[in-house]
Amino acid sequence: MEELSFYDVKSKKKFNSSDYSVKQKSGRFFAVTKSKVGTHDCWRVLSKDQAAKIKK
């Protein structure tokens, strides 16, 4: 998978990850990964085209 940049709201830090899943919620697409410093999830909004490209 392509590496994406995520922002961890709780620790207020950016990080890159290539270990994520693509989820659809309310018609929007998101990349979801585990936080590097905690046990919570970090979500990133994806465009429809990006999500289709990654899902292939």
PDB file of N, CA and C in Angstrom:
ATOM      1  N   MET A   1       0.833  -1.196   0.000  1.00  0.00           N
ATOM      2  CA  MET A   1       0.000   0.000   0.000  1.00  0.00           C
ATOM      3  C   MET A   1       0.871   1.250   0.000  1.00  0.00           C
ATOM      4  N   GLU A   2       0.309   2.278  -0.533  1.00  0.00           N
ATOM      5  CA  GLU A   2       0.978   3.569  -0.587  1.00  0.00           C
ATOM      6  C   GLU A   2       1.029   4.174   0.819  1.00  0.00           C
ATOM      7  N   GLU A   3       2.117   4.844   1.154  1.00  0.00           N
ATOM      8  CA  GLU A   3       2.267   5.448   2.474  1.00  0.00           C
ATOM      9  C   GLU A   3       1.480   6.757   2.534  1.00  0.00           C
ATOM     10  N   LEU A   4       0.691   6.920   3.595  1.00  0.00           N
ATOM     11  CA  LEU A   4      -0.104   8.130   3.793  1.00  0.00           C
ATOM     12  C   LEU A   4       0.316   8.824   5.074  1.00  0.00           C
ATOM     13  N   SER A   5       0.072  10.113   5.140  1.00  0.00           N
ATOM     14  CA  SER A   5       0.363  10.907   6.323  1.00  0.00           C
ATOM     15  C   SER A   5      -0.904  11.014   7.169  1.00  0.00           C
ATOM     16  N   PHE A   6      -0.773  10.758   8.464  1.00  0.00           N
ATOM     17  CA  PHE A   6      -1.887  10.848   9.402  1.00  0.00           C
ATOM     18  C   PHE A   6      -1.542  11.856  10.487  1.00  0.00           C
ATOM     19  N   TYR A   7      -2.560  12.425  11.115  1.00  0.00           N
ATOM     20  CA  TYR A   7      -2.371  13.342  12.237  1.00  0.00           C
ATOM     21  C   TYR A   7      -3.067  12.758  13.455  1.00  0.00           C
ATOM     22  N   ASP A   8      -2.313  12.568  14.529  1.00  0.00           N
ATOM     23  CA  ASP A   8      -2.852  12.042  15.780  1.00  0.00           C
ATOM     24  C   ASP A   8      -3.326  13.217  16.632  1.00  0.00           C
ATOM     25  N   VAL A   9      -4.632  13.345  16.785  1.00  0.00           N
ATOM     26  CA  VAL A   9      -5.216  14.481  17.491  1.00  0.00           C
ATOM     27  C   VAL A   9      -4.853  14.456  18.982  1.00  0.00           C
ATOM     28  N   LYS A  10      -4.807  13.279  19.573  1.00  0.00           N
ATOM     29  CA  LYS A  10      -4.532  13.193  21.010  1.00  0.00           C
ATOM     30  C   LYS A  10      -3.092  13.548  21.348  1.00  0.00           C
ATOM     31  N   SER A  11      -2.124  13.085  20.562  1.00  0.00           N
ATOM     32  CA  SER A  11      -0.719  13.400  20.843  1.00  0.00           C
ATOM     33  C   SER A  11      -0.242  14.646  20.087  1.00  0.00           C
ATOM     34  N   LYS A  12      -1.092  15.157  19.164  1.00  0.00           N
ATOM     35  CA  LYS A  12      -0.804  16.357  18.371  1.00  0.00           C
ATOM     36  C   LYS A  12       0.469  16.198  17.533  1.00  0.00           C
ATOM     37  N   LYS A  13       0.613  15.009  16.917  1.00  0.00           N
ATOM     38  CA  LYS A  13       1.790  14.752  16.088  1.00  0.00           C
ATOM     39  C   LYS A  13       1.380  14.100  14.779  1.00  0.00           C
ATOM     40  N   LYS A  14       2.152  14.375  13.733  1.00  0.00           N
ATOM     41  CA  LYS A  14       1.942  13.738  12.430  1.00  0.00           C
ATOM     42  C   LYS A  14       2.827  12.501  12.349  1.00  0.00           C
ATOM     43  N   PHE A  15       2.351  11.503  11.593  1.00  0.00           N
ATOM     44  CA  PHE A  15       3.161  10.325  11.321  1.00  0.00           C
ATOM     45  C   PHE A  15       2.721   9.717  10.002  1.00  0.00           C
ATOM     46  N   ASN A  16       3.586   8.913   9.418  1.00  0.00           N
ATOM     47  CA  ASN A  16       3.298   8.239   8.158  1.00  0.00           C
ATOM     48  C   ASN A  16       3.062   6.760   8.431  1.00  0.00           C
ATOM     49  N   SER A  17       2.164   6.171   7.661  1.00  0.00           N
ATOM     50  CA  SER A  17       1.879   4.753   7.814  1.00  0.00           C
ATOM     51  C   SER A  17       1.446   4.158   6.479  1.00  0.00           C
ATOM     52  N   SER A  18       1.845   2.922   6.257  1.00  0.00           N
ATOM     53  CA  SER A  18       1.377   2.207   5.073  1.00  0.00           C
ATOM     54  C   SER A  18       0.522   1.017   5.495  1.00  0.00           C
ATOM     55  N   ASP A  19       0.274   0.900   6.797  1.00  0.00           N
ATOM     56  CA  ASP A  19      -0.559  -0.166   7.351  1.00  0.00           C
ATOM     57  C   ASP A  19      -1.892   0.439   7.800  1.00  0.00           C
ATOM     58  N   TYR A  20      -2.867   0.476   6.882  1.00  0.00           N
ATOM     59  CA  TYR A  20      -4.165   1.081   7.169  1.00  0.00           C
ATOM     60  C   TYR A  20      -5.241   0.347   6.391  1.00  0.00           C
ATOM     61  N   SER A  21      -6.479   0.595   6.769  1.00  0.00           N
ATOM     62  CA  SER A  21      -7.611   0.023   6.034  1.00  0.00           C
ATOM     63  C   SER A  21      -8.484   1.166   5.521  1.00  0.00           C
ATOM     64  N   VAL A  22      -9.201   0.909   4.436  1.00  0.00           N
ATOM     65  CA  VAL A  22     -10.091   1.914   3.855  1.00  0.00           C
ATOM     66  C   VAL A  22     -11.512   1.588   4.290  1.00  0.00           C
ATOM     67  N   LYS A  23     -12.181   2.546   4.908  1.00  0.00           N
ATOM     68  CA  LYS A  23     -13.559   2.359   5.374  1.00  0.00           C
ATOM     69  C   LYS A  23     -14.452   3.423   4.767  1.00  0.00           C
ATOM     70  N   GLN A  24     -15.717   3.060   4.556  1.00  0.00           N
ATOM     71  CA  GLN A  24     -16.700   4.008   4.047  1.00  0.00           C
ATOM     72  C   GLN A  24     -17.721   4.269   5.143  1.00  0.00           C
ATOM     73  N   LYS A  25     -17.978   5.542   5.398  1.00  0.00           N
ATOM     74  CA  LYS A  25     -18.922   5.937   6.436  1.00  0.00           C
ATOM     75  C   LYS A  25     -19.700   7.141   5.928  1.00  0.00           C
ATOM     76  N   SER A  26     -21.010   7.021   5.890  1.00  0.00           N
ATOM     77  CA  SER A  26     -21.896   8.103   5.428  1.00  0.00           C
ATOM     78  C   SER A  26     -21.527   8.597   4.029  1.00  0.00           C
ATOM     79  N   GLY A  27     -21.129   7.694   3.152  1.00  0.00           N
ATOM     80  CA  GLY A  27     -20.811   8.064   1.782  1.00  0.00           C
ATOM     81  C   GLY A  27     -19.432   8.653   1.579  1.00  0.00           C
ATOM     82  N   ARG A  28     -18.637   8.772   2.638  1.00  0.00           N
ATOM     83  CA  ARG A  28     -17.279   9.310   2.536  1.00  0.00           C
ATOM     84  C   ARG A  28     -16.287   8.177   2.787  1.00  0.00           C
ATOM     85  N   PHE A  29     -15.095   8.322   2.264  1.00  0.00           N
ATOM     86  CA  PHE A  29     -14.059   7.311   2.423  1.00  0.00           C
ATOM     87  C   PHE A  29     -12.975   7.800   3.376  1.00  0.00           C
ATOM     88  N   PHE A  30     -12.490   6.882   4.216  1.00  0.00           N
ATOM     89  CA  PHE A  30     -11.467   7.198   5.205  1.00  0.00           C
ATOM     90  C   PHE A  30     -10.398   6.113   5.225  1.00  0.00           C
ATOM     91  N   ALA A  31      -9.171   6.513   5.509  1.00  0.00           N
ATOM     92  CA  ALA A  31      -8.087   5.580   5.794  1.00  0.00           C
ATOM     93  C   ALA A  31      -7.963   5.549   7.312  1.00  0.00           C
ATOM     94  N   VAL A  32      -7.951   4.347   7.895  1.00  0.00           N
ATOM     95  CA  VAL A  32      -7.921   4.207   9.347  1.00  0.00           C
ATOM     96  C   VAL A  32      -6.718   3.363   9.749  1.00  0.00           C
ATOM     97  N   THR A  33      -5.954   3.864  10.720  1.00  0.00           N
ATOM     98  CA  THR A  33      -4.798   3.137  11.229  1.00  0.00           C
ATOM     99  C   THR A  33      -4.705   3.322  12.740  1.00  0.00           C
ATOM    100  N   LYS A  34      -3.926   2.477  13.384  1.00  0.00           N
ATOM    101  CA  LYS A  34      -3.700   2.591  14.823  1.00  0.00           C
ATOM    102  C   LYS A  34      -2.687   3.692  15.087  1.00  0.00           C
ATOM    103  N   SER A  35      -2.843   4.395  16.184  1.00  0.00           N
ATOM    104  CA  SER A  35      -1.908   5.438  16.583  1.00  0.00           C
ATOM    105  C   SER A  35      -0.566   4.819  16.961  1.00  0.00           C
ATOM    106  N   LYS A  36       0.512   5.549  16.713  1.00  0.00           N
ATOM    107  CA  LYS A  36       1.856   5.071  17.065  1.00  0.00           C
ATOM    108  C   LYS A  36       2.108   5.133  18.574  1.00  0.00           C
ATOM    109  N   VAL A  37       1.425   6.053  19.288  1.00  0.00           N
ATOM    110  CA  VAL A  37       1.708   6.259  20.708  1.00  0.00           C
ATOM    111  C   VAL A  37       0.595   5.800  21.643  1.00  0.00           C
ATOM    112  N   GLY A  38      -0.548   5.466  21.109  1.00  0.00           N
ATOM    113  CA  GLY A  38      -1.661   5.063  21.963  1.00  0.00           C
ATOM    114  C   GLY A  38      -2.408   3.881  21.387  1.00  0.00           C
ATOM    115  N   THR A  39      -3.587   3.609  21.946  1.00  0.00           N
ATOM    116  CA  THR A  39      -4.387   2.479  21.492  1.00  0.00           C
ATOM    117  C   THR A  39      -5.568   2.916  20.634  1.00  0.00           C
ATOM    118  N   HIS A  40      -5.668   4.199  20.343  1.00  0.00           N
ATOM    119  CA  HIS A  40      -6.797   4.721  19.573  1.00  0.00           C
ATOM    120  C   HIS A  40      -6.516   4.688  18.070  1.00  0.00           C
ATOM    121  N   ASP A  41      -7.576   4.890  17.289  1.00  0.00           N
ATOM    122  CA  ASP A  41      -7.470   4.913  15.832  1.00  0.00           C
ATOM    123  C   ASP A  41      -7.302   6.342  15.339  1.00  0.00           C
ATOM    124  N   CYS A  42      -6.588   6.489  14.219  1.00  0.00           N
ATOM    125  CA  CYS A  42      -6.440   7.775  13.552  1.00  0.00           C
ATOM    126  C   CYS A  42      -7.081   7.656  12.177  1.00  0.00           C
ATOM    127  N   TRP A  43      -7.922   8.618  11.841  1.00  0.00           N
ATOM    128  CA  TRP A  43      -8.685   8.599  10.590  1.00  0.00           C
ATOM    129  C   TRP A  43      -8.189   9.712   9.685  1.00  0.00           C
ATOM    130  N   ARG A  44      -8.159   9.432   8.380  1.00  0.00           N
ATOM    131  CA  ARG A  44      -7.798  10.435   7.385  1.00  0.00           C
ATOM    132  C   ARG A  44      -8.839  10.374   6.278  1.00  0.00           C
ATOM    133  N   VAL A  45      -9.329  11.533   5.853  1.00  0.00           N
ATOM    134  CA  VAL A  45     -10.332  11.603   4.790  1.00  0.00           C
ATOM    135  C   VAL A  45      -9.650  11.333   3.448  1.00  0.00           C
ATOM    136  N   LEU A  46     -10.295  10.507   2.633  1.00  0.00           N
ATOM    137  CA  LEU A  46      -9.801  10.208   1.287  1.00  0.00           C
ATOM    138  C   LEU A  46     -10.811  10.672   0.255  1.00  0.00           C
ATOM    139  N   SER A  47     -10.325  11.044  -0.902  1.00  0.00           N
ATOM    140  CA  SER A  47     -11.239  11.358  -2.000  1.00  0.00           C
ATOM    141  C   SER A  47     -11.761  10.047  -2.571  1.00  0.00           C
ATOM    142  N   LYS A  48     -12.818  10.131  -3.330  1.00  0.00           N
ATOM    143  CA  LYS A  48     -13.418   8.948  -3.941  1.00  0.00           C
ATOM    144  C   LYS A  48     -12.409   8.268  -4.873  1.00  0.00           C
ATOM    145  N   ASP A  49     -11.664   9.065  -5.616  1.00  0.00           N
ATOM    146  CA  ASP A  49     -10.662   8.531  -6.545  1.00  0.00           C
ATOM    147  C   ASP A  49      -9.518   7.849  -5.804  1.00  0.00           C
ATOM    148  N   GLN A  50      -9.054   8.470  -4.715  1.00  0.00           N
ATOM    149  CA  GLN A  50      -7.990   7.872  -3.907  1.00  0.00           C
ATOM    150  C   GLN A  50      -8.425   6.531  -3.341  1.00  0.00           C
ATOM    151  N   ALA A  51      -9.624   6.460  -2.811  1.00  0.00           N
ATOM    152  CA  ALA A  51     -10.141   5.230  -2.215  1.00  0.00           C
ATOM    153  C   ALA A  51     -10.242   4.129  -3.268  1.00  0.00           C
ATOM    154  N   ALA A  52     -10.714   4.462  -4.458  1.00  0.00           N
ATOM    155  CA  ALA A  52     -10.828   3.474  -5.534  1.00  0.00           C
ATOM    156  C   ALA A  52      -9.450   2.964  -5.965  1.00  0.00           C
ATOM    157  N   LYS A  53      -8.483   3.852  -6.012  1.00  0.00           N
ATOM    158  CA  LYS A  53      -7.124   3.489  -6.399  1.00  0.00           C
ATOM    159  C   LYS A  53      -6.488   2.558  -5.357  1.00  0.00           C
ATOM    160  N   ILE A  54      -6.698   2.835  -4.083  1.00  0.00           N
ATOM    161  CA  ILE A  54      -6.119   2.039  -3.005  1.00  0.00           C
ATOM    162  C   ILE A  54      -6.783   0.682  -2.895  1.00  0.00           C
ATOM    163  N   LYS A  55      -8.099   0.620  -3.084  1.00  0.00           N
ATOM    164  CA  LYS A  55      -8.840  -0.632  -2.938  1.00  0.00           C
ATOM    165  C   LYS A  55      -8.476  -1.671  -3.978  1.00  0.00           C
ATOM    166  N   LYS A  56      -7.922  -1.256  -5.125  1.00  0.00           N
ATOM    167  CA  LYS A  56      -7.587  -2.200  -6.201  1.00  0.00           C
ATOM    168  C   LYS A  56      -6.551  -3.190  -5.808  1.00  0.00           C
TER     169      LYS A  56
END
